[in-house]
Amino acid sequence: MAGLLHDIGKIGTPDAILLSPGKLNQDEWKVMQQHVHIGAEILGEHDSPLLQMARVIALGHHERFDGSGYPHGLVGDAIPVEARIIAIAD
């Protein structure tokens, strides 16, 4: 259930970027990458384990095992397992 919220931060991304038919330029890509932070901010800090997991997933679902992902360039086991699962499913 928490995984369903992984891209909630995209509501803060302009439609012109979300709906762009072609490859994003460097500035647009930087804006798109902010959706993970926006999502974490929307989800906030809660006592609910479900919302805590949703926040972890929102922040980590674009990290890559080799460290090439974003926003933090986490490597391997440093990426929360929940975020790794959603990255595969996404």
PDB file of N, CA and C in Angstrom:
ATOM      1  N   MET A   1       0.823  -1.201   0.000  1.00  0.00           N
ATOM      2  CA  MET A   1       0.000   0.000   0.000  1.00  0.00           C
ATOM      3  C   MET A   1       0.864   1.261   0.000  1.00  0.00           C
ATOM      4  N   ALA A   2       1.971   1.230   0.743  1.00  0.00           N
ATOM      5  CA  ALA A   2       2.854   2.402   0.794  1.00  0.00           C
ATOM      6  C   ALA A   2       3.458   2.696  -0.572  1.00  0.00           C
ATOM      7  N   GLY A   3       3.702   1.652  -1.342  1.00  0.00           N
ATOM      8  CA  GLY A   3       4.301   1.820  -2.657  1.00  0.00           C
ATOM      9  C   GLY A   3       3.448   2.618  -3.624  1.00  0.00           C
ATOM     10  N   LEU A   4       2.139   2.614  -3.407  1.00  0.00           N
ATOM     11  CA  LEU A   4       1.249   3.368  -4.285  1.00  0.00           C
ATOM     12  C   LEU A   4       1.537   4.869  -4.239  1.00  0.00           C
ATOM     13  N   LEU A   5       2.172   5.316  -3.173  1.00  0.00           N
ATOM     14  CA  LEU A   5       2.449   6.751  -2.996  1.00  0.00           C
ATOM     15  C   LEU A   5       3.843   7.150  -3.483  1.00  0.00           C
ATOM     16  N   HIS A   6       4.567   6.241  -4.126  1.00  0.00           N
ATOM     17  CA  HIS A   6       5.965   6.504  -4.460  1.00  0.00           C
ATOM     18  C   HIS A   6       6.177   7.748  -5.323  1.00  0.00           C
ATOM     19  N   ASP A   7       5.245   8.084  -6.192  1.00  0.00           N
ATOM     20  CA  ASP A   7       5.397   9.244  -7.075  1.00  0.00           C
ATOM     21  C   ASP A   7       4.482  10.403  -6.698  1.00  0.00           C
ATOM     22  N   ILE A   8       4.015  10.444  -5.465  1.00  0.00           N
ATOM     23  CA  ILE A   8       3.103  11.519  -5.054  1.00  0.00           C
ATOM     24  C   ILE A   8       3.721  12.905  -5.258  1.00  0.00           C
ATOM     25  N   GLY A   9       5.029  12.989  -5.204  1.00  0.00           N
ATOM     26  CA  GLY A   9       5.710  14.268  -5.394  1.00  0.00           C
ATOM     27  C   GLY A   9       5.574  14.836  -6.787  1.00  0.00           C
ATOM     28  N   LYS A  10       5.150  14.021  -7.733  1.00  0.00           N
ATOM     29  CA  LYS A  10       4.972  14.527  -9.095  1.00  0.00           C
ATOM     30  C   LYS A  10       3.840  15.544  -9.185  1.00  0.00           C
ATOM     31  N   ILE A  11       2.987  15.623  -8.163  1.00  0.00           N
ATOM     32  CA  ILE A  11       1.949  16.665  -8.203  1.00  0.00           C
ATOM     33  C   ILE A  11       2.575  18.049  -8.095  1.00  0.00           C
ATOM     34  N   GLY A  12       3.831  18.121  -7.656  1.00  0.00           N
ATOM     35  CA  GLY A  12       4.551  19.386  -7.594  1.00  0.00           C
ATOM     36  C   GLY A  12       5.442  19.634  -8.793  1.00  0.00           C
ATOM     37  N   THR A  13       5.358  18.776  -9.797  1.00  0.00           N
ATOM     38  CA  THR A  13       6.163  18.906 -11.018  1.00  0.00           C
ATOM     39  C   THR A  13       5.285  19.495 -12.112  1.00  0.00           C
ATOM     40  N   PRO A  14       5.768  20.518 -12.812  1.00  0.00           N
ATOM     41  CA  PRO A  14       4.951  21.141 -13.861  1.00  0.00           C
ATOM     42  C   PRO A  14       4.513  20.134 -14.937  1.00  0.00           C
ATOM     43  N   ASP A  15       3.282  20.289 -15.408  1.00  0.00           N
ATOM     44  CA  ASP A  15       2.749  19.416 -16.454  1.00  0.00           C
ATOM     45  C   ASP A  15       3.602  19.451 -17.721  1.00  0.00           C
ATOM     46  N   ALA A  16       4.180  20.594 -18.028  1.00  0.00           N
ATOM     47  CA  ALA A  16       5.002  20.704 -19.233  1.00  0.00           C
ATOM     48  C   ALA A  16       6.177  19.726 -19.191  1.00  0.00           C
ATOM     49  N   ILE A  17       6.659  19.433 -17.999  1.00  0.00           N
ATOM     50  CA  ILE A  17       7.752  18.464 -17.849  1.00  0.00           C
ATOM     51  C   ILE A  17       7.190  17.052 -17.803  1.00  0.00           C
ATOM     52  N   LEU A  18       6.157  16.837 -17.009  1.00  0.00           N
ATOM     53  CA  LEU A  18       5.566  15.499 -16.891  1.00  0.00           C
ATOM     54  C   LEU A  18       5.067  14.969 -18.228  1.00  0.00           C
ATOM     55  N   LEU A  19       4.521  15.835 -19.047  1.00  0.00           N
ATOM     56  CA  LEU A  19       3.901  15.417 -20.301  1.00  0.00           C
ATOM     57  C   LEU A  19       4.797  15.644 -21.511  1.00  0.00           C
ATOM     58  N   SER A  20       6.043  15.971 -21.278  1.00  0.00           N
ATOM     59  CA  SER A  20       6.975  16.227 -22.370  1.00  0.00           C
ATOM     60  C   SER A  20       7.111  14.982 -23.249  1.00  0.00           C
ATOM     61  N   PRO A  21       6.905  15.147 -24.557  1.00  0.00           N
ATOM     62  CA  PRO A  21       6.958  13.978 -25.433  1.00  0.00           C
ATOM     63  C   PRO A  21       8.385  13.477 -25.706  1.00  0.00           C
ATOM     64  N   GLY A  22       9.349  14.321 -25.524  1.00  0.00           N
ATOM     65  CA  GLY A  22      10.724  13.937 -25.834  1.00  0.00           C
ATOM     66  C   GLY A  22      11.578  13.835 -24.591  1.00  0.00           C
ATOM     67  N   LYS A  23      12.860  13.694 -24.807  1.00  0.00           N
ATOM     68  CA  LYS A  23      13.817  13.617 -23.707  1.00  0.00           C
ATOM     69  C   LYS A  23      13.902  14.978 -23.019  1.00  0.00           C
ATOM     70  N   LEU A  24      13.991  14.965 -21.700  1.00  0.00           N
ATOM     71  CA  LEU A  24      14.080  16.205 -20.939  1.00  0.00           C
ATOM     72  C   LEU A  24      15.476  16.796 -21.070  1.00  0.00           C
ATOM     73  N   ASN A  25      15.532  18.146 -21.117  1.00  0.00           N
ATOM     74  CA  ASN A  25      16.850  18.779 -21.109  1.00  0.00           C
ATOM     75  C   ASN A  25      17.383  18.784 -19.678  1.00  0.00           C
ATOM     76  N   GLN A  26      18.598  19.256 -19.495  1.00  0.00           N
ATOM     77  CA  GLN A  26      19.254  19.186 -18.188  1.00  0.00           C
ATOM     78  C   GLN A  26      18.467  19.923 -17.107  1.00  0.00           C
ATOM     79  N   ASP A  27      17.953  21.104 -17.412  1.00  0.00           N
ATOM     80  CA  ASP A  27      17.183  21.870 -16.426  1.00  0.00           C
ATOM     81  C   ASP A  27      15.862  21.176 -16.087  1.00  0.00           C
ATOM     82  N   GLU A  28      15.190  20.648 -17.096  1.00  0.00           N
ATOM     83  CA  GLU A  28      13.935  19.929 -16.863  1.00  0.00           C
ATOM     84  C   GLU A  28      14.182  18.666 -16.024  1.00  0.00           C
ATOM     85  N   TRP A  29      15.284  17.977 -16.298  1.00  0.00           N
ATOM     86  CA  TRP A  29      15.617  16.763 -15.558  1.00  0.00           C
ATOM     87  C   TRP A  29      15.855  17.082 -14.080  1.00  0.00           C
ATOM     88  N   LYS A  30      16.515  18.205 -13.806  1.00  0.00           N
ATOM     89  CA  LYS A  30      16.730  18.613 -12.412  1.00  0.00           C
ATOM     90  C   LYS A  30      15.410  18.872 -11.707  1.00  0.00           C
ATOM     91  N   VAL A  31      14.467  19.488 -12.405  1.00  0.00           N
ATOM     92  CA  VAL A  31      13.137  19.727 -11.836  1.00  0.00           C
ATOM     93  C   VAL A  31      12.430  18.398 -11.589  1.00  0.00           C
ATOM     94  N   MET A  32      12.494  17.491 -12.549  1.00  0.00           N
ATOM     95  CA  MET A  32      11.845  16.189 -12.402  1.00  0.00           C
ATOM     96  C   MET A  32      12.411  15.430 -11.202  1.00  0.00           C
ATOM     97  N   GLN A  33      13.709  15.499 -11.000  1.00  0.00           N
ATOM     98  CA  GLN A  33      14.332  14.782  -9.892  1.00  0.00           C
ATOM     99  C   GLN A  33      13.858  15.289  -8.532  1.00  0.00           C
ATOM    100  N   GLN A  34      13.329  16.474  -8.477  1.00  0.00           N
ATOM    101  CA  GLN A  34      12.852  17.022  -7.212  1.00  0.00           C
ATOM    102  C   GLN A  34      11.590  16.340  -6.703  1.00  0.00           C
ATOM    103  N   HIS A  35      10.930  15.545  -7.549  1.00  0.00           N
ATOM    104  CA  HIS A  35       9.669  14.922  -7.107  1.00  0.00           C
ATOM    105  C   HIS A  35       9.882  13.999  -5.908  1.00  0.00           C
ATOM    106  N   VAL A  36      11.081  13.440  -5.742  1.00  0.00           N
ATOM    107  CA  VAL A  36      11.311  12.571  -4.587  1.00  0.00           C
ATOM    108  C   VAL A  36      11.311  13.380  -3.292  1.00  0.00           C
ATOM    109  N   HIS A  37      11.900  14.567  -3.331  1.00  0.00           N
ATOM    110  CA  HIS A  37      11.910  15.435  -2.145  1.00  0.00           C
ATOM    111  C   HIS A  37      10.512  15.999  -1.867  1.00  0.00           C
ATOM    112  N   ILE A  38       9.825  16.380  -2.934  1.00  0.00           N
ATOM    113  CA  ILE A  38       8.464  16.897  -2.777  1.00  0.00           C
ATOM    114  C   ILE A  38       7.569  15.824  -2.162  1.00  0.00           C
ATOM    115  N   GLY A  39       7.694  14.597  -2.641  1.00  0.00           N
ATOM    116  CA  GLY A  39       6.908  13.493  -2.101  1.00  0.00           C
ATOM    117  C   GLY A  39       7.182  13.262  -0.632  1.00  0.00           C
ATOM    118  N   ALA A  40       8.462  13.268  -0.264  1.00  0.00           N
ATOM    119  CA  ALA A  40       8.825  13.081   1.140  1.00  0.00           C
ATOM    120  C   ALA A  40       8.264  14.207   1.998  1.00  0.00           C
ATOM    121  N   GLU A  41       8.280  15.415   1.465  1.00  0.00           N
ATOM    122  CA  GLU A  41       7.736  16.559   2.205  1.00  0.00           C
ATOM    123  C   GLU A  41       6.221  16.435   2.363  1.00  0.00           C
ATOM    124  N   ILE A  42       5.541  16.016   1.311  1.00  0.00           N
ATOM    125  CA  ILE A  42       4.087  15.833   1.379  1.00  0.00           C
ATOM    126  C   ILE A  42       3.745  14.767   2.424  1.00  0.00           C
ATOM    127  N   LEU A  43       4.476  13.669   2.391  1.00  0.00           N
ATOM    128  CA  LEU A  43       4.204  12.573   3.327  1.00  0.00           C
ATOM    129  C   LEU A  43       4.594  12.928   4.752  1.00  0.00           C
ATOM    130  N   GLY A  44       5.600  13.759   4.900  1.00  0.00           N
ATOM    131  CA  GLY A  44       5.998  14.255   6.213  1.00  0.00           C
ATOM    132  C   GLY A  44       6.463  13.171   7.164  1.00  0.00           C
ATOM    133  N   GLU A  45       6.482  13.510   8.435  1.00  0.00           N
ATOM    134  CA  GLU A  45       6.892  12.581   9.491  1.00  0.00           C
ATOM    135  C   GLU A  45       5.648  12.212  10.284  1.00  0.00           C
ATOM    136  N   HIS A  46       5.397  10.914  10.410  1.00  0.00           N
ATOM    137  CA  HIS A  46       4.186  10.429  11.067  1.00  0.00           C
ATOM    138  C   HIS A  46       4.502   9.274  12.006  1.00  0.00           C
ATOM    139  N   ASP A  47       3.567   9.002  12.893  1.00  0.00           N
ATOM    140  CA  ASP A  47       3.654   7.822  13.749  1.00  0.00           C
ATOM    141  C   ASP A  47       3.224   6.564  13.001  1.00  0.00           C
ATOM    142  N   SER A  48       2.488   6.740  11.932  1.00  0.00           N
ATOM    143  CA  SER A  48       1.969   5.616  11.165  1.00  0.00           C
ATOM    144  C   SER A  48       3.099   4.869  10.450  1.00  0.00           C
ATOM    145  N   PRO A  49       3.268   3.566  10.716  1.00  0.00           N
ATOM    146  CA  PRO A  49       4.290   2.789  10.003  1.00  0.00           C
ATOM    147  C   PRO A  49       4.073   2.793   8.483  1.00  0.00           C
ATOM    148  N   LEU A  50       2.828   2.810   8.043  1.00  0.00           N
ATOM    149  CA  LEU A  50       2.543   2.839   6.617  1.00  0.00           C
ATOM    150  C   LEU A  50       3.072   4.119   5.979  1.00  0.00           C
ATOM    151  N   LEU A  51       2.804   5.260   6.612  1.00  0.00           N
ATOM    152  CA  LEU A  51       3.268   6.532   6.056  1.00  0.00           C
ATOM    153  C   LEU A  51       4.776   6.694   6.210  1.00  0.00           C
ATOM    154  N   GLN A  52       5.353   6.124   7.244  1.00  0.00           N
ATOM    155  CA  GLN A  52       6.815   6.137   7.379  1.00  0.00           C
ATOM    156  C   GLN A  52       7.449   5.366   6.220  1.00  0.00           C
ATOM    157  N   MET A  53       6.894   4.202   5.910  1.00  0.00           N
ATOM    158  CA  MET A  53       7.417   3.406   4.805  1.00  0.00           C
ATOM    159  C   MET A  53       7.202   4.127   3.472  1.00  0.00           C
ATOM    160  N   ALA A  54       6.063   4.760   3.308  1.00  0.00           N
ATOM    161  CA  ALA A  54       5.782   5.491   2.070  1.00  0.00           C
ATOM    162  C   ALA A  54       6.812   6.602   1.856  1.00  0.00           C
ATOM    163  N   ARG A  55       7.214   7.260   2.927  1.00  0.00           N
ATOM    164  CA  ARG A  55       8.215   8.320   2.823  1.00  0.00           C
ATOM    165  C   ARG A  55       9.572   7.745   2.423  1.00  0.00           C
ATOM    166  N   VAL A  56       9.956   6.639   3.020  1.00  0.00           N
ATOM    167  CA  VAL A  56      11.219   5.970   2.672  1.00  0.00           C
ATOM    168  C   VAL A  56      11.217   5.580   1.191  1.00  0.00           C
ATOM    169  N   ILE A  57      10.099   5.061   0.729  1.00  0.00           N
ATOM    170  CA  ILE A  57       9.973   4.651  -0.672  1.00  0.00           C
ATOM    171  C   ILE A  57      10.028   5.854  -1.600  1.00  0.00           C
ATOM    172  N   ALA A  58       9.298   6.915  -1.255  1.00  0.00           N
ATOM    173  CA  ALA A  58       9.294   8.118  -2.097  1.00  0.00           C
ATOM    174  C   ALA A  58      10.711   8.665  -2.266  1.00  0.00           C
ATOM    175  N   LEU A  59      11.481   8.659  -1.189  1.00  0.00           N
ATOM    176  CA  LEU A  59      12.851   9.180  -1.255  1.00  0.00           C
ATOM    177  C   LEU A  59      13.818   8.242  -1.977  1.00  0.00           C
ATOM    178  N   GLY A  60      13.563   6.948  -1.930  1.00  0.00           N
ATOM    179  CA  GLY A  60      14.571   6.024  -2.412  1.00  0.00           C
ATOM    180  C   GLY A  60      14.283   5.266  -3.679  1.00  0.00           C
ATOM    181  N   HIS A  61      13.121   5.457  -4.291  1.00  0.00           N
ATOM    182  CA  HIS A  61      12.766   4.599  -5.418  1.00  0.00           C
ATOM    183  C   HIS A  61      13.520   4.891  -6.706  1.00  0.00           C
ATOM    184  N   HIS A  62      14.316   5.947  -6.735  1.00  0.00           N
ATOM    185  CA  HIS A  62      15.163   6.227  -7.909  1.00  0.00           C
ATOM    186  C   HIS A  62      16.644   6.031  -7.622  1.00  0.00           C
ATOM    187  N   GLU A  63      16.966   5.512  -6.454  1.00  0.00           N
ATOM    188  CA  GLU A  63      18.349   5.137  -6.174  1.00  0.00           C
ATOM    189  C   GLU A  63      18.651   3.870  -6.982  1.00  0.00           C
ATOM    190  N   ARG A  64      19.905   3.677  -7.348  1.00  0.00           N
ATOM    191  CA  ARG A  64      20.315   2.516  -8.138  1.00  0.00           C
ATOM    192  C   ARG A  64      21.428   1.769  -7.427  1.00  0.00           C
ATOM    193  N   PHE A  65      21.418   0.468  -7.519  1.00  0.00           N
ATOM    194  CA  PHE A  65      22.343  -0.386  -6.777  1.00  0.00           C
ATOM    195  C   PHE A  65      23.801   0.003  -7.007  1.00  0.00           C
ATOM    196  N   ASP A  66      24.104   0.533  -8.199  1.00  0.00           N
ATOM    197  CA  ASP A  66      25.491   0.908  -8.517  1.00  0.00           C
ATOM    198  C   ASP A  66      25.835   2.330  -8.092  1.00  0.00           C
ATOM    199  N   GLY A  67      24.884   3.028  -7.467  1.00  0.00           N
ATOM    200  CA  GLY A  67      25.129   4.392  -6.997  1.00  0.00           C
ATOM    201  C   GLY A  67      24.803   5.481  -8.002  1.00  0.00           C
ATOM    202  N   SER A  68      24.305   5.108  -9.172  1.00  0.00           N
ATOM    203  CA  SER A  68      24.033   6.092 -10.222  1.00  0.00           C
ATOM    204  C   SER A  68      22.667   6.765 -10.094  1.00  0.00           C
ATOM    205  N   GLY A  69      21.902   6.397  -9.090  1.00  0.00           N
ATOM    206  CA  GLY A  69      20.561   6.961  -8.940  1.00  0.00           C
ATOM    207  C   GLY A  69      20.553   8.289  -8.203  1.00  0.00           C
ATOM    208  N   TYR A  70      19.361   8.730  -7.874  1.00  0.00           N
ATOM    209  CA  TYR A  70      19.180   9.987  -7.149  1.00  0.00           C
ATOM    210  C   TYR A  70      18.098   9.806  -6.108  1.00  0.00           C
ATOM    211  N   PRO A  71      18.041  10.613  -5.092  1.00  0.00           N
ATOM    212  CA  PRO A  71      18.704  11.898  -4.903  1.00  0.00           C
ATOM    213  C   PRO A  71      20.057  11.827  -4.182  1.00  0.00           C
ATOM    214  N   HIS A  72      20.382  10.707  -3.553  1.00  0.00           N
ATOM    215  CA  HIS A  72      21.586  10.660  -2.713  1.00  0.00           C
ATOM    216  C   HIS A  72      22.712   9.801  -3.267  1.00  0.00           C
ATOM    217  N   GLY A  73      22.490   9.125  -4.380  1.00  0.00           N
ATOM    218  CA  GLY A  73      23.515   8.259  -4.945  1.00  0.00           C
ATOM    219  C   GLY A  73      23.868   7.095  -4.035  1.00  0.00           C
ATOM    220  N   LEU A  74      22.861   6.576  -3.325  1.00  0.00           N
ATOM    221  CA  LEU A  74      23.093   5.448  -2.424  1.00  0.00           C
ATOM    222  C   LEU A  74      23.529   4.223  -3.218  1.00  0.00           C
ATOM    223  N   VAL A  75      24.310   3.364  -2.564  1.00  0.00           N
ATOM    224  CA  VAL A  75      24.855   2.171  -3.209  1.00  0.00           C
ATOM    225  C   VAL A  75      24.404   0.925  -2.461  1.00  0.00           C
ATOM    226  N   GLY A  76      24.019  -0.098  -3.218  1.00  0.00           N
ATOM    227  CA  GLY A  76      23.750  -1.418  -2.671  1.00  0.00           C
ATOM    228  C   GLY A  76      22.793  -1.438  -1.502  1.00  0.00           C
ATOM    229  N   ASP A  77      23.250  -2.079  -0.418  1.00  0.00           N
ATOM    230  CA  ASP A  77      22.395  -2.269   0.755  1.00  0.00           C
ATOM    231  C   ASP A  77      22.064  -0.981   1.500  1.00  0.00           C
ATOM    232  N   ALA A  78      22.694   0.119   1.129  1.00  0.00           N
ATOM    233  CA  ALA A  78      22.338   1.407   1.739  1.00  0.00           C
ATOM    234  C   ALA A  78      20.960   1.878   1.263  1.00  0.00           C
ATOM    235  N   ILE A  79      20.481   1.323   0.173  1.00  0.00           N
ATOM    236  CA  ILE A  79      19.154   1.658  -0.346  1.00  0.00           C
ATOM    237  C   ILE A  79      18.139   0.810   0.427  1.00  0.00           C
ATOM    238  N   PRO A  80      17.144   1.430   1.038  1.00  0.00           N
ATOM    239  CA  PRO A  80      16.151   0.660   1.780  1.00  0.00           C
ATOM    240  C   PRO A  80      15.499  -0.401   0.888  1.00  0.00           C
ATOM    241  N   VAL A  81      15.329  -1.585   1.438  1.00  0.00           N
ATOM    242  CA  VAL A  81      14.782  -2.700   0.662  1.00  0.00           C
ATOM    243  C   VAL A  81      13.404  -2.368   0.097  1.00  0.00           C
ATOM    244  N   GLU A  82      12.596  -1.614   0.829  1.00  0.00           N
ATOM    245  CA  GLU A  82      11.274  -1.227   0.334  1.00  0.00           C
ATOM    246  C   GLU A  82      11.394  -0.408  -0.948  1.00  0.00           C
ATOM    247  N   ALA A  83      12.360   0.502  -0.970  1.00  0.00           N
ATOM    248  CA  ALA A  83      12.576   1.344  -2.146  1.00  0.00           C
ATOM    249  C   ALA A  83      13.100   0.511  -3.317  1.00  0.00           C
ATOM    250  N   ARG A  84      13.949  -0.480  -3.031  1.00  0.00           N
ATOM    251  CA  ARG A  84      14.454  -1.359  -4.100  1.00  0.00           C
ATOM    252  C   ARG A  84      13.315  -2.159  -4.729  1.00  0.00           C
ATOM    253  N   ILE A  85      12.405  -2.635  -3.902  1.00  0.00           N
ATOM    254  CA  ILE A  85      11.272  -3.419  -4.423  1.00  0.00           C
ATOM    255  C   ILE A  85      10.403  -2.556  -5.334  1.00  0.00           C
ATOM    256  N   ILE A  86      10.097  -1.350  -4.885  1.00  0.00           N
ATOM    257  CA  ILE A  86       9.250  -0.464  -5.697  1.00  0.00           C
ATOM    258  C   ILE A  86       9.973  -0.027  -6.954  1.00  0.00           C
ATOM    259  N   ALA A  87      11.283   0.174  -6.903  1.00  0.00           N
ATOM    260  CA  ALA A  87      12.039   0.530  -8.112  1.00  0.00           C
ATOM    261  C   ALA A  87      11.894  -0.556  -9.172  1.00  0.00           C
ATOM    262  N   ILE A  88      11.963  -1.808  -8.745  1.00  0.00           N
ATOM    263  CA  ILE A  88      11.806  -2.918  -9.684  1.00  0.00           C
ATOM    264  C   ILE A  88      10.375  -2.938 -10.241  1.00  0.00           C
ATOM    265  N   ALA A  89       9.405  -2.787  -9.366  1.00  0.00           N
ATOM    266  CA  ALA A  89       7.991  -2.821  -9.796  1.00  0.00           C
ATOM    267  C   ALA A  89       7.648  -1.641 -10.698  1.00  0.00           C
ATOM    268  N   ASP A  90       8.269  -0.501 -10.445  1.00  0.00           N
ATOM    269  CA  ASP A  90       7.984   0.722 -11.207  1.00  0.00           C
ATOM    270  C   ASP A  90       8.560   0.592 -12.604  1.00  0.00           C
TER     271      ASP A  90
END
